[in-house]
Structures are given as C-alpha cells and as structure tokens.
Protein backbone atom coordinates (compact mmCIF):
# COMPACT_ATOMS: atom_id res chain seq x y z
CA MET A 1 -194.34 77.08 -59.93
CA LYS A 2 -196.34 73.96 -59.16
CA ILE A 3 -199.56 74.06 -61.45
CA ILE A 4 -202.40 71.62 -61.35
CA VAL A 5 -204.82 71.85 -64.41
CA ALA A 6 -208.50 70.44 -63.89
CA GLY A 7 -209.78 68.89 -67.14
CA ALA A 8 -208.12 67.05 -69.96
CA GLY A 9 -210.27 68.76 -72.69
CA ILE A 10 -209.29 71.05 -75.40
CA ALA A 11 -208.63 73.94 -72.72
CA GLY A 12 -206.56 71.86 -70.51
CA LEU A 13 -204.48 70.25 -73.09
CA SER A 14 -203.75 73.38 -74.88
CA VAL A 15 -202.75 75.25 -71.72
CA ALA A 16 -200.42 72.08 -70.75
CA LYS A 17 -198.92 72.53 -74.22
CA ALA A 18 -198.46 76.14 -74.00
CA LEU A 19 -196.61 75.76 -70.67
CA GLU A 20 -194.34 73.30 -72.03
CA LEU A 21 -193.22 75.62 -74.72
CA LYS A 22 -192.45 78.26 -71.98
CA GLY A 23 -190.33 75.48 -70.21
CA HIS A 24 -193.07 74.61 -67.39
CA GLN A 25 -194.64 71.42 -66.25
CA CYS A 26 -198.08 70.94 -65.09
CA HIS A 27 -200.12 68.05 -63.65
CA ILE A 28 -203.56 67.58 -65.38
CA VAL A 29 -206.36 65.95 -63.30
CA GLU A 30 -209.31 64.72 -65.53
CA GLN A 31 -212.61 63.19 -64.06
CA SER A 32 -213.16 60.85 -66.91
CA GLU A 33 -211.55 57.31 -66.52
CA GLU A 34 -209.65 57.70 -69.76
CA SER A 35 -208.81 60.34 -72.42
CA ILE A 36 -211.72 62.38 -73.86
CA SER A 37 -211.90 61.26 -77.36
CA GLY A 38 -215.70 61.52 -78.04
CA GLY A 39 -217.69 64.43 -79.30
CA MET A 40 -218.88 65.33 -83.00
CA GLY A 41 -217.46 67.89 -85.36
CA ILE A 42 -215.65 70.99 -84.70
CA PHE A 43 -214.97 74.25 -86.94
CA LEU A 44 -212.07 76.23 -86.47
CA LEU A 45 -211.69 79.70 -87.78
CA GLY A 46 -208.33 81.48 -88.71
CA ASN A 47 -207.67 82.82 -85.21
CA ALA A 48 -207.94 79.22 -83.63
CA THR A 49 -205.67 77.70 -86.39
CA ARG A 50 -203.12 80.63 -85.77
CA ALA A 51 -203.13 79.49 -82.04
CA LEU A 52 -202.72 75.98 -83.08
CA GLN A 53 -199.74 76.97 -85.20
CA GLN A 54 -198.30 78.96 -82.23
CA LEU A 55 -198.63 75.75 -80.08
CA GLY A 56 -196.80 73.80 -82.85
CA VAL A 57 -199.79 71.58 -83.30
CA LEU A 58 -201.28 72.69 -86.58
CA GLU A 59 -198.77 70.71 -88.78
CA ALA A 60 -200.05 67.53 -87.40
CA ILE A 61 -203.67 68.38 -87.67
CA GLU A 62 -204.04 69.96 -90.99
CA PRO A 63 -203.44 67.09 -93.40
CA ASN A 64 -206.24 65.27 -91.71
CA ALA A 65 -208.62 68.15 -91.59
CA TYR A 66 -211.28 69.49 -94.20
CA PRO A 67 -210.41 73.05 -95.41
CA ILE A 68 -213.29 75.31 -95.49
CA LYS A 69 -212.88 78.05 -98.32
CA LYS A 70 -216.26 79.68 -98.04
CA GLN A 71 -219.52 79.63 -96.02
CA LEU A 72 -222.77 79.66 -97.63
CA ILE A 73 -226.20 80.57 -96.17
CA PHE A 74 -229.52 79.52 -97.79
CA ALA A 75 -233.15 80.22 -96.87
CA SER A 76 -235.15 76.98 -95.76
CA ASN A 77 -236.71 76.85 -99.39
CA GLY A 78 -233.28 76.34 -100.82
CA GLN A 79 -232.51 79.96 -102.08
CA LEU A 80 -229.10 81.13 -101.55
CA ILE A 81 -228.99 84.30 -99.37
CA HIS A 82 -225.26 84.93 -98.81
CA GLU A 83 -221.68 83.66 -99.58
CA THR A 84 -218.61 84.46 -97.55
CA GLY A 85 -214.98 83.71 -98.72
CA SER A 86 -213.80 82.49 -95.28
CA GLN A 87 -210.20 81.53 -96.89
CA GLU A 88 -209.65 85.03 -98.13
CA PHE A 89 -210.99 86.83 -95.00
CA TRP A 90 -208.81 84.76 -92.62
CA SER A 91 -205.71 84.47 -94.80
CA GLU A 92 -203.43 86.42 -92.58
CA CYS A 93 -204.38 84.41 -89.67
CA GLY A 94 -204.70 80.64 -90.58
CA PRO A 95 -206.61 78.28 -92.53
CA CYS A 96 -210.47 77.67 -91.72
CA LEU A 97 -210.59 73.89 -90.90
CA ALA A 98 -213.23 71.35 -89.85
CA MET A 99 -212.41 68.09 -88.29
CA PRO A 100 -213.78 65.39 -85.94
CA ARG A 101 -213.35 66.84 -82.33
CA SER A 102 -211.31 63.87 -81.44
CA LEU A 103 -208.60 64.65 -83.89
CA LEU A 104 -207.94 68.17 -82.20
CA VAL A 105 -208.07 66.48 -78.76
CA GLN A 106 -205.79 63.57 -79.65
CA SER A 107 -203.40 65.80 -81.58
CA LEU A 108 -203.09 68.02 -78.62
CA LEU A 109 -202.60 65.13 -76.26
CA SER A 110 -199.95 63.48 -78.59
CA SER A 111 -198.08 66.72 -78.64
CA LEU A 112 -197.51 66.70 -74.86
CA ASP A 113 -193.86 65.58 -73.71
CA ASN A 114 -193.59 66.04 -70.03
CA THR A 115 -197.08 66.39 -68.71
CA ASP A 116 -198.54 64.03 -66.30
CA ILE A 117 -202.25 63.14 -66.60
CA SER A 118 -204.34 61.40 -63.71
CA TYR A 119 -207.66 59.99 -64.78
CA GLY A 120 -210.72 58.90 -62.81
CA LYS A 121 -210.79 62.08 -60.20
CA ALA A 122 -211.76 65.67 -60.47
CA VAL A 123 -210.59 68.85 -58.73
CA VAL A 124 -213.70 69.91 -56.63
CA ASP A 125 -212.26 73.00 -54.75
CA VAL A 126 -209.20 75.10 -54.04
CA GLU A 127 -208.22 75.76 -50.34
CA ASN A 128 -205.80 78.51 -49.28
CA THR A 129 -202.70 77.48 -47.31
CA MET A 130 -199.73 79.36 -45.87
CA SER A 131 -197.39 78.44 -48.86
CA GLY A 132 -199.95 78.65 -51.60
CA VAL A 133 -203.11 76.53 -52.30
CA ARG A 134 -204.31 73.00 -51.95
CA ALA A 135 -206.31 71.27 -54.72
CA LEU A 136 -209.00 69.05 -53.28
CA TYR A 137 -209.90 65.96 -55.31
CA SER A 138 -213.21 63.94 -55.74
CA ASP A 139 -211.56 61.00 -54.09
CA GLY A 140 -210.77 62.77 -50.72
CA SER A 141 -207.09 63.44 -51.43
CA SER A 142 -205.57 66.69 -51.93
CA GLN A 143 -202.34 68.27 -53.22
CA SER A 144 -200.32 71.42 -52.51
CA CYS A 145 -199.49 73.58 -55.34
CA ASN A 146 -199.07 77.48 -56.38
CA LEU A 147 -201.79 77.48 -58.96
CA VAL A 148 -204.87 75.70 -60.09
CA ILE A 149 -206.19 76.17 -63.61
CA ALA A 150 -209.92 75.56 -64.03
CA ALA A 151 -210.23 73.97 -67.53
CA ASP A 152 -213.13 71.70 -66.64
CA GLY A 153 -215.82 73.03 -69.05
CA ILE A 154 -219.02 74.76 -68.95
CA HIS A 155 -220.15 72.81 -65.80
CA SER A 156 -216.99 73.44 -64.04
CA ARG A 157 -217.01 71.98 -60.46
CA LEU A 158 -214.34 74.51 -59.57
CA ARG A 159 -215.97 77.67 -60.82
CA ASN A 160 -219.46 76.50 -59.08
CA ALA A 161 -217.49 75.63 -55.73
CA ALA A 162 -215.53 78.88 -55.66
CA PHE A 163 -218.19 81.39 -57.07
CA ASN A 164 -221.36 79.54 -57.08
CA ILE A 165 -221.85 80.56 -60.60
CA GLN A 166 -224.00 78.19 -62.65
CA PRO A 167 -224.63 78.28 -66.56
CA ARG A 168 -227.77 79.64 -67.59
CA PRO A 169 -230.10 78.62 -70.54
CA LEU A 170 -230.14 80.67 -73.69
CA GLY A 171 -233.61 79.49 -74.80
CA ILE A 172 -232.22 77.34 -77.79
CA THR A 173 -232.11 73.68 -78.02
CA CYS A 174 -229.64 72.00 -80.39
CA TRP A 175 -228.86 68.59 -81.93
CA ARG A 176 -225.44 67.32 -83.09
CA THR A 177 -224.46 64.27 -85.10
CA VAL A 178 -222.09 62.94 -87.80
CA VAL A 179 -223.58 61.35 -90.85
CA ASP A 180 -222.70 60.26 -94.27
CA ASN A 181 -222.11 63.00 -96.76
CA THR A 182 -224.80 61.59 -99.18
CA THR A 183 -225.69 64.83 -100.73
CA GLY A 184 -222.21 66.07 -101.49
CA ILE A 185 -221.78 68.88 -99.24
CA GLY A 186 -218.39 70.53 -100.02
CA THR A 187 -218.14 73.44 -97.60
CA TRP A 188 -219.85 75.10 -94.51
CA THR A 189 -223.45 75.37 -95.40
CA ALA A 190 -226.35 76.80 -93.30
CA MET A 191 -230.07 76.90 -93.79
CA LEU A 192 -232.27 79.30 -91.99
CA GLY A 193 -235.98 78.98 -91.53
CA PRO A 194 -238.39 80.59 -89.08
CA GLY A 195 -236.91 80.26 -85.69
CA ARG A 196 -234.75 77.23 -86.97
CA THR A 197 -231.21 76.66 -88.20
CA LEU A 198 -229.53 73.97 -90.01
CA LEU A 199 -225.68 73.70 -90.47
CA ALA A 200 -223.63 71.00 -92.39
CA ILE A 201 -219.90 71.08 -92.22
CA PRO A 202 -217.78 68.37 -94.19
CA LEU A 203 -215.32 66.72 -92.07
CA SER A 204 -213.99 64.55 -94.99
CA GLU A 205 -215.08 63.51 -98.45
CA THR A 206 -217.67 61.01 -96.93
CA LYS A 207 -218.66 62.47 -93.49
CA VAL A 208 -220.45 65.60 -92.52
CA TYR A 209 -221.14 67.10 -89.19
CA LEU A 210 -224.78 68.13 -88.90
CA TYR A 211 -226.10 70.72 -86.36
CA ALA A 212 -229.54 71.85 -85.93
CA ASP A 213 -231.21 74.23 -83.42
CA CYS A 214 -234.54 75.86 -82.66
CA ARG A 215 -236.13 77.81 -80.00
CA THR A 216 -236.51 75.50 -76.81
CA ALA A 217 -240.28 76.33 -76.61
CA ASP A 218 -240.67 74.61 -79.96
CA VAL A 219 -239.33 71.32 -78.81
CA ARG A 220 -241.87 68.55 -78.41
CA ASN A 221 -239.46 65.61 -77.94
CA ASN A 222 -235.73 65.05 -78.38
CA THR A 223 -235.86 61.97 -80.61
CA VAL A 224 -234.68 61.72 -84.19
CA LEU A 225 -238.22 61.67 -85.38
CA GLY A 226 -238.97 64.97 -83.40
CA LEU A 227 -236.00 66.42 -85.14
CA ARG A 228 -237.11 65.34 -88.47
CA ASP A 229 -240.64 66.60 -87.87
CA LEU A 230 -239.01 70.23 -86.94
CA PHE A 231 -237.23 70.51 -90.17
CA ALA A 232 -239.45 68.72 -92.55
CA ALA A 233 -240.21 71.94 -94.68
CA PHE A 234 -236.38 72.37 -95.34
CA GLN A 235 -235.51 71.69 -98.87
CA SER A 236 -232.13 71.01 -100.72
CA PRO A 237 -229.08 71.44 -99.85
CA LEU A 238 -229.64 70.04 -96.20
CA GLY A 239 -233.20 68.99 -95.92
CA GLU A 240 -232.36 65.61 -97.30
CA LEU A 241 -229.74 64.92 -94.75
CA VAL A 242 -232.20 65.42 -91.99
CA GLY A 243 -234.87 63.21 -93.86
CA GLN A 244 -232.35 60.35 -93.95
CA LEU A 245 -231.94 60.31 -90.29
CA ASN A 246 -233.22 57.27 -88.47
CA SER A 247 -233.61 56.05 -84.89
CA PRO A 248 -230.16 54.42 -84.54
CA THR A 249 -228.41 57.62 -85.29
CA GLU A 250 -226.35 58.90 -82.60
CA ILE A 251 -227.41 62.46 -81.64
CA HIS A 252 -226.28 64.66 -78.93
CA PHE A 253 -229.25 66.65 -77.76
CA GLY A 254 -229.21 69.60 -75.40
CA GLU A 255 -230.16 73.19 -74.41
CA LEU A 256 -227.53 75.95 -75.16
CA GLN A 257 -226.23 77.56 -72.19
CA GLU A 258 -223.66 80.24 -71.32
CA VAL A 259 -221.56 81.26 -68.34
CA PRO A 260 -222.61 84.52 -66.90
CA GLU A 261 -220.19 87.36 -67.13
CA HIS A 262 -218.57 87.89 -63.72
CA ASN A 263 -215.60 89.78 -62.24
CA ARG A 264 -214.83 87.39 -59.31
CA ASN A 265 -211.50 85.82 -58.62
CA LYS A 266 -209.84 83.56 -55.93
CA HIS A 267 -206.34 83.23 -54.77
CA GLY A 268 -204.52 80.52 -56.63
CA LEU A 269 -207.35 79.79 -59.00
CA VAL A 270 -207.56 80.87 -62.72
CA LEU A 271 -210.61 80.05 -64.97
CA MET A 272 -210.19 79.63 -68.58
CA GLY A 273 -212.10 78.34 -71.66
CA ASP A 274 -215.68 77.35 -71.22
CA ALA A 275 -215.35 77.21 -67.56
CA ALA A 276 -214.82 81.03 -67.59
CA HIS A 277 -216.68 82.30 -70.70
CA ALA A 278 -218.91 79.69 -72.44
CA CYS A 279 -221.38 81.24 -74.73
CA SER A 280 -223.68 80.46 -77.68
CA PRO A 281 -221.68 78.51 -80.51
CA SER A 282 -222.83 81.24 -83.19
CA MET A 283 -219.37 82.56 -83.64
CA ALA A 284 -217.58 79.18 -83.68
CA GLN A 285 -215.20 80.51 -81.00
CA GLY A 286 -215.51 77.96 -78.18
CA ALA A 287 -212.28 76.15 -79.01
CA GLY A 288 -210.78 79.38 -80.41
CA MET A 289 -211.14 81.08 -77.04
CA ALA A 290 -209.80 78.25 -75.19
CA LEU A 291 -206.65 78.13 -77.39
CA GLU A 292 -206.20 81.75 -76.99
CA ASP A 293 -206.63 81.58 -73.48
CA ALA A 294 -203.74 79.01 -73.22
CA LEU A 295 -201.22 81.02 -75.10
CA VAL A 296 -201.85 84.07 -72.88
CA LEU A 297 -201.93 82.40 -69.67
CA ALA A 298 -198.64 80.59 -70.27
CA ASP A 299 -197.03 83.71 -71.26
CA LEU A 300 -198.14 85.55 -68.04
CA ILE A 301 -197.16 82.63 -65.82
CA SER A 302 -193.55 82.89 -67.50
CA ARG A 303 -193.43 86.58 -66.81
CA TYR A 304 -194.74 86.86 -63.25
CA ALA A 305 -194.21 84.94 -60.01
CA SER A 306 -197.18 86.25 -58.18
CA THR A 307 -200.40 84.13 -58.79
CA ALA A 308 -202.45 87.21 -57.94
CA VAL A 309 -200.66 89.18 -60.63
CA ILE A 310 -201.12 86.45 -62.96
CA ASN A 311 -204.80 86.27 -62.50
CA ARG A 312 -205.59 89.92 -62.64
CA ALA A 313 -203.27 90.22 -65.80
CA PHE A 314 -205.04 87.30 -67.46
CA VAL A 315 -208.52 88.51 -66.99
CA ALA A 316 -207.67 92.20 -67.99
CA GLN A 317 -205.85 90.82 -71.19
CA ARG A 318 -208.89 88.51 -72.06
CA ARG A 319 -211.72 90.55 -70.84
CA ASP A 320 -212.37 92.71 -74.12
CA ARG A 321 -211.78 89.89 -76.77
CA VAL A 322 -214.19 87.40 -74.66
CA ALA A 323 -216.63 90.05 -74.22
CA TRP A 324 -216.73 90.84 -78.06
CA VAL A 325 -217.38 87.14 -78.89
CA ARG A 326 -220.10 86.91 -76.46
CA LYS A 327 -221.68 90.23 -77.71
CA GLN A 328 -221.53 89.18 -81.25
CA SER A 329 -222.73 85.47 -80.60
CA ARG A 330 -226.00 87.08 -79.11
CA VAL A 331 -226.27 89.52 -81.89
CA ARG A 332 -225.94 86.69 -84.54
CA ASP A 333 -228.56 84.57 -82.72
CA LYS A 334 -230.88 87.64 -82.75
CA VAL A 335 -230.46 88.11 -86.56
CA ARG A 336 -230.96 84.30 -87.25
CA ASN A 337 -234.32 84.59 -85.49
CA LEU A 338 -235.65 87.72 -87.13
CA PRO A 339 -238.69 87.43 -89.24
CA PRO A 340 -237.38 85.47 -92.41
CA THR A 341 -238.08 88.35 -94.82
CA VAL A 342 -236.28 90.82 -92.80
CA ARG A 343 -233.44 88.40 -91.85
CA ASN A 344 -232.90 87.18 -95.56
CA LEU A 345 -232.97 90.84 -96.98
CA MET A 346 -230.48 91.85 -94.25
CA LEU A 347 -228.07 89.06 -94.90
CA ARG A 348 -228.32 89.43 -98.81
CA ASN A 349 -227.36 93.11 -98.61
CA LEU A 350 -225.22 93.51 -95.57
CA GLY A 351 -223.87 89.79 -95.10
CA ASP A 352 -220.13 90.86 -95.95
CA ARG A 353 -220.31 93.86 -93.62
CA LEU A 354 -222.04 91.85 -90.81
CA TYR A 355 -219.32 89.23 -91.04
CA THR A 356 -216.48 91.47 -91.18
CA ARG A 357 -217.94 93.38 -88.15
CA SER A 358 -218.16 90.23 -86.25
CA TYR A 359 -214.72 88.80 -86.91
CA ALA A 360 -212.22 91.65 -87.73
CA THR A 361 -211.48 92.02 -84.15
CA LEU A 362 -210.34 88.48 -83.83
CA ARG A 363 -207.88 88.77 -86.78
CA LYS A 364 -205.77 91.00 -84.63
CA PRO A 365 -202.66 89.30 -82.87
CA LEU A 366 -203.00 88.06 -79.38
CA ILE A 367 -199.66 89.08 -77.82
C-alpha cells in the first residue's frame, strides 16, 4: 500500500514510526521548510508514554525528560487545594514525563529508518482516481497513492478541503512560555483564580514550562504586561514566575479551539491527531491521542487491504476514547471556572475521585 502522510509533527512522525514497525513505508509531506523543532513544553501522562514504549521511542526520551510524580493544585492565594499521586495512578501504564516539545519531535524523527520526508510543500486535497487516490500538493504537483493520512494539525488543510470543517473557539485564551525555574518548582503545579489558571511544569532542574489562561472576554491585550496584569493577584508558588516576565520573553499567545465532532469520511483519506479531534488541553491528551491514533491506524493498515475498511474501523475503534477525552476536557474547564469557593471545596473533597473518573478509562490497553 502506497501511503502519504500530511504533516511531520508528532502525529505524522508517530504514524510513520508505527507503520515502519509493521513493515510498511510511507512518504511524509511537510509544509514547513525544515523539521518542526519549535514549540514550548509538553506533559505526557502514562497512556502517552505507554504508546511511546510501544513505538520503541521511550528509552531514548526518558533520560532527558523530567519525571512528574505528583500534581498539585493551589488557590490563587497560595493555599493548597489538592494533591494527586500521578506516578502511582499511572504506574501500570508508564511514567508521567515533562519535556521540551522539541525533544519528543526530534526523538520520533531520529527513530525513523526508511521514511522519506519532503519539506516545503503541503498536501492540500485528495482526488479520487480509478486506481486509488491522488494527493494534490501546494506547488501544483500531485502523486498517486492508496491512502492519504491527514496529520496536519488543528488547522488541517486536508480536513478543510475535504469536509469544510473549521476549528471553533472555546472562549479561552492562553499564553505559553518557557522560563528559568527561579522559584524551585519541582513538579506539576497549578493555581486557580477567578476565571484564571496558571500552570508550571518543570522541564529540567533549571527550566519550567509556564502556561496561563483566562476567559477570552477578559483579555485586553496579548503583551507580557497584559499577562502580568491579569495574574497580579496570584501569590506563591507561581505568582513570582509571572511577575518576573519581561517584554523580551518569548510567549505564544492564542485562543483555544477544538475541532467539532463529525462522522464524515472520504475515500482514501484518514484524519488523525489534532486534524481529527483537537480539543481543550485540560486533559493533557493532545499528543497522547495522536500517539494512540498512530498505533491503532498502523495495526489496521496491516490487517486490511481496503482503505474504506481501514477508515471505518479506525473511526469506530477510536470514537469512544476520543469522545471521552473531549467530554472530560469540557468538564474540567467548567470545574476550573466555577465560583472559587465552590470549586475549591469540590477539589479539596472530591479531587481524587474526579481525577480517577477522568483518567481511569485511558489506563485501559488500546489493542
């Protein structure tokens, strides 16, 4: 089967690796001029690292990643609300790890043995032919194949061309950056204020990934000073990190979006990762779902010759798990934005039960 993968991010590289392990080859087409090595930090829970283990990549990543053994939630006044033993919860799956996003991308890229990657053009559409399909490229060229895998992210050109499905805003705006770990953050640490969230995840002993979000309606400007103003009332342990930000700090700013649920399909085209089901990052499952998609899709490609059967089986096998993540992401966003007194009381008394309810399903094996 001749397979073309659109996108050389986490989703595209992981499905290429999964296909190699099953004895298949694919050709990746990436619109960027070079390897995607940018981005900020990433946090992988046990189901994601289990998938990396199955891909044979975890051993190369783990020594350079930061282990997350517990997750702490504080109120904006610095009072501890809840503590979760994430290492214990995920022990039967895999370790919880934080790392620069580039480490994950480069590790997946380095693991590939016989996958060709073309940079500087994009797959913009798929056209049916008598013998299969034809991938249409942004430079005007095209290529015949049996299957195109859209792994080109939340703003997927292929999804938009095939189904006219655009991502929709969630009403939440976020900031992401990596800063010096001047306050000694030692594990996943969140702080919740009225309609605002701060999160710090250590990437090493000296660097920490800092994430902040609030209601889009509350954003007056997207500058560092605007961010500092919005979170000026936050105390220790994270308030100081925001207070130390200055104008030259590199910050990624944007409104959170999700890809609407849909049941459409097109002959010879499979959507995976964020192109298929991007949602709020509240469950920390963007990379996890892409890695799981890769394993399931490669397994189905090895079992069936018909691309129509592969597509239907892939959607059916992934539907419930992806829907669960989407649902729980929405629930967690709602809980975060409850009135502070109600939210803090709920997390203090029911935090373990809520965490288990959210994630127990994801501890179950994929295949």
